[in-house]
Amino acid sequence: MSRLTIVCRDFKPLRRNTLIGFATVRVAELRLEIHGIAIHQKGTARWCQLPAKPLVRDGALVKDAYGKIQYVPMLAFDARRVADAFSAAVVAALLDVEPHAFNEEAEVMS
């Protein structure tokens, strides 16, 4: 499997639980831009989550027993090792352009 060039084109900080924000990345060789990639951190673990959309049934959002909106994936990898490699590449690409993205103090400056 050949390596792909992943570049972070944009990052919007938004801290909530493990979420630290949303990134837009470009996969150069595929000429593909992916918007809305969620970036997470828990302890020393860092990962990304491909975009998802809210689950809607009969015109209403589906929520779990705790009232959390349920989401369904829009994209998925066919192997865990591929998903993990992509996640690591996205985190590295984010750190290339936003070296302090995972710092607690990183906030939205609007």
Protein backbone atom coordinates (compact mmCIF):
# COMPACT_ATOMS: atom_id res chain seq x y z
CA MET A 1 0.00 0.00 0.00
CA SER A 2 1.42 3.36 -0.99
CA ARG A 3 1.43 6.28 1.40
CA LEU A 4 -0.84 9.23 0.78
CA THR A 5 -0.03 12.85 1.51
CA ILE A 6 -2.47 14.27 4.05
CA VAL A 7 -2.45 18.01 4.71
CA CYS A 8 -4.59 19.84 7.27
CA ARG A 9 -6.23 22.77 5.48
CA ASP A 10 -8.31 24.14 8.37
CA PHE A 11 -8.96 23.57 12.07
CA LYS A 12 -11.79 24.92 14.22
CA PRO A 13 -11.23 24.35 17.96
CA LEU A 14 -14.26 23.19 19.95
CA ARG A 15 -13.64 21.54 23.31
CA ARG A 16 -16.29 19.19 24.60
CA ASN A 17 -15.42 16.00 26.49
CA THR A 18 -12.76 14.26 24.31
CA LEU A 19 -13.47 16.49 21.30
CA ILE A 20 -10.91 19.24 20.66
CA GLY A 21 -12.22 20.47 17.31
CA PHE A 22 -12.94 19.83 13.65
CA ALA A 23 -10.44 19.64 10.81
CA THR A 24 -10.53 19.79 7.05
CA VAL A 25 -7.86 17.66 5.38
CA ARG A 26 -6.73 17.19 1.81
CA VAL A 27 -5.56 13.82 0.48
CA ALA A 28 -3.31 15.16 -2.27
CA GLU A 29 -3.01 12.08 -4.48
CA LEU A 30 -6.79 11.57 -4.54
CA ARG A 31 -7.50 15.30 -4.96
CA LEU A 32 -9.94 14.80 -2.12
CA GLU A 33 -10.85 17.27 0.63
CA ILE A 34 -12.67 15.92 3.70
CA HIS A 35 -14.52 18.42 5.90
CA GLY A 36 -15.78 17.87 9.43
CA ILE A 37 -13.22 15.40 10.74
CA ALA A 38 -13.60 15.34 14.52
CA ILE A 39 -10.30 15.44 16.43
CA HIS A 40 -10.24 13.83 19.88
CA GLN A 41 -7.90 13.45 22.84
CA LYS A 42 -8.18 11.43 26.04
CA GLY A 43 -5.09 11.36 28.21
CA THR A 44 -2.20 10.81 25.82
CA ALA A 45 -4.38 9.15 23.14
CA ARG A 46 -5.19 11.28 20.10
CA TRP A 47 -7.37 10.24 17.19
CA CYS A 48 -9.71 11.44 14.48
CA GLN A 49 -13.21 10.40 13.57
CA LEU A 50 -14.52 10.62 10.02
CA PRO A 51 -17.60 12.78 9.42
CA ALA A 52 -20.97 11.41 10.51
CA LYS A 53 -24.54 12.63 10.22
CA PRO A 54 -27.32 12.60 12.79
CA LEU A 55 -29.64 9.60 12.62
CA VAL A 56 -33.15 10.68 11.65
CA ARG A 57 -36.19 8.42 11.82
CA ASP A 58 -39.68 9.60 10.84
CA GLY A 59 -38.38 13.17 10.60
CA ALA A 60 -37.03 13.25 14.16
CA LEU A 61 -33.52 12.94 15.55
CA VAL A 62 -32.87 9.57 17.20
CA LYS A 63 -31.47 9.84 20.74
CA ASP A 64 -30.13 7.22 23.11
CA ALA A 65 -31.36 6.55 26.65
CA TYR A 66 -29.25 9.50 27.91
CA GLY A 67 -30.68 11.96 25.39
CA LYS A 68 -27.55 11.99 23.20
CA ILE A 69 -28.14 12.30 19.46
CA GLN A 70 -27.14 9.16 17.57
CA TYR A 71 -24.90 9.47 14.50
CA VAL A 72 -24.27 7.24 11.49
CA PRO A 73 -20.97 7.15 9.62
CA MET A 74 -20.77 8.66 6.15
CA LEU A 75 -17.39 7.08 5.32
CA ALA A 76 -15.60 4.03 6.68
CA PHE A 77 -12.36 2.12 6.19
CA ASP A 78 -12.51 -1.64 5.62
CA ALA A 79 -9.70 -2.44 8.08
CA ARG A 80 -8.85 -1.18 11.55
CA ARG A 81 -5.14 -0.82 10.71
CA VAL A 82 -6.00 1.47 7.78
CA ALA A 83 -8.32 3.57 9.96
CA ASP A 84 -5.60 3.83 12.64
CA ALA A 85 -2.96 4.84 10.06
CA PHE A 86 -5.29 7.49 8.62
CA SER A 87 -6.07 8.78 12.10
CA ALA A 88 -2.37 9.05 12.98
CA ALA A 89 -1.67 10.86 9.69
CA VAL A 90 -4.49 13.36 10.30
CA VAL A 91 -3.25 14.08 13.84
CA ALA A 92 0.30 14.58 12.51
CA ALA A 93 -0.99 16.87 9.73
CA LEU A 94 -2.93 18.91 12.29
CA LEU A 95 0.15 19.28 14.48
CA ASP A 96 2.14 20.47 11.44
CA VAL A 97 -0.14 23.50 11.06
CA GLU A 98 -1.45 23.89 14.65
CA PRO A 99 1.32 22.70 17.00
CA HIS A 100 -0.67 23.76 20.09
CA ALA A 101 -4.03 22.30 19.01
CA PHE A 102 -4.03 19.77 21.85
CA ASN A 103 -3.04 22.24 24.56
CA GLU A 104 -5.77 22.87 27.13
CA GLU A 105 -5.45 26.61 26.54
CA ALA A 106 -6.20 26.33 22.80
CA GLU A 107 -9.56 28.08 22.40
CA VAL A 108 -11.56 29.64 19.63
CA MET A 109 -10.44 33.22 19.10
CA SER A 110 -13.46 34.94 17.51
